[in-house]
Protein backbone atom coordinates (compact mmCIF):
# COMPACT_ATOMS: atom_id res chain seq x y z
CA MET A 1 0.01 0.12 0.07
CA GLY A 2 3.31 2.37 0.11
CA GLU A 3 2.92 3.07 3.71
CA ILE A 4 5.83 2.83 5.99
CA VAL A 5 5.54 2.35 9.76
CA GLY A 6 7.42 4.78 11.85
CA VAL A 7 7.51 5.47 15.46
CA VAL A 8 8.26 8.50 17.74
CA ILE A 9 9.71 7.52 21.20
CA VAL A 10 9.88 9.95 24.08
CA PRO A 11 12.13 8.69 26.84
CA LYS A 12 11.32 8.85 30.34
CA GLN A 13 12.40 12.02 32.12
CA GLY A 14 16.23 11.69 32.96
CA GLU A 15 16.59 8.54 30.66
CA THR A 16 18.35 7.95 27.43
CA ILE A 17 17.75 5.42 24.95
CA ASP A 18 20.32 2.99 23.76
CA GLU A 19 19.69 2.56 20.04
CA GLU A 20 21.20 -0.90 19.83
CA GLN A 21 18.95 -2.10 22.71
CA LEU A 22 15.98 -0.48 20.82
CA MET A 23 16.58 -2.48 17.90
CA ASP A 24 16.91 -5.64 19.86
CA TYR A 25 13.64 -4.99 21.67
CA PHE A 26 11.67 -4.55 18.32
CA LEU A 27 13.40 -7.79 17.03
CA GLU A 28 12.59 -9.69 20.48
CA HIS A 29 9.14 -8.41 20.86
CA LEU A 30 7.56 -7.62 17.53
CA PRO A 31 6.75 -9.72 14.51
CA GLY A 32 8.89 -8.65 11.56
CA TYR A 33 5.75 -6.93 9.76
CA LYS A 34 5.27 -4.62 12.70
CA ILE A 35 8.89 -3.67 13.37
CA PRO A 36 8.96 0.13 12.63
CA ARG A 37 10.91 0.91 9.44
CA LYS A 38 11.87 4.34 10.83
CA TYR A 39 11.97 5.84 14.27
CA ARG A 40 12.68 9.10 16.02
CA ILE A 41 13.62 10.09 19.40
CA ALA A 42 11.75 13.33 20.62
CA ASP A 43 11.56 15.19 23.69
CA SER A 44 7.91 15.30 23.93
CA LEU A 45 4.64 14.68 22.11
CA PRO A 46 1.94 17.26 21.30
CA ARG A 47 -0.70 16.75 23.81
CA SER A 48 -4.47 18.24 24.28
CA GLY A 49 -5.55 20.20 27.20
CA ALA A 50 -6.73 16.89 28.53
CA GLY A 51 -3.66 15.36 28.32
CA LYS A 52 -4.18 13.11 25.40
CA ILE A 53 -1.89 12.95 22.30
CA VAL A 54 -2.90 15.20 19.43
CA LYS A 55 -2.32 12.54 16.52
CA TYR A 56 -2.67 15.00 13.52
CA LYS A 57 -0.25 17.54 15.34
CA LEU A 58 2.13 14.58 15.63
CA ARG A 59 1.73 13.82 11.82
CA GLU A 60 2.23 17.34 10.95
CA LEU A 61 5.26 17.84 13.05
CA HIS A 62 7.02 14.60 12.11
CA ILE A 63 6.08 13.75 8.53
CA SER A 64 7.30 17.07 7.40
CA GLU A 65 10.68 16.20 8.91
CA PHE A 66 10.60 12.63 7.87
CA GLU A 67 13.94 12.65 6.45
CA TRP A 68 15.00 13.28 10.14
CA PHE A 69 13.77 9.63 11.21
CA ARG A 70 16.55 7.23 11.45
CA LYS A 71 16.19 4.09 9.24
CA ILE A 72 16.50 0.72 10.86
CA PRO A 73 18.84 -1.42 8.80
CA GLU A 74 17.01 -3.91 6.96
CA SER A 75 19.61 -6.66 8.08
CA ARG A 76 18.11 -6.12 11.63
CA TYR A 77 14.71 -7.64 10.68
């Protein structure tokens, strides 16, 4: 269908994400077709006044910057 699964990851406050461990987690816990092909580590997600993630704003922010997503090497899945 031409769509690519991408994910935006926000680490818990004060924590960092080890990208190698992230890849290992994807491979261990997700079937191959669900492994995101691209990912981005962000500081925060856009939220509404009720605290819910505003998905359309998330798409607007990150799809316009899609080239900034890191590609997961195909050899990893």
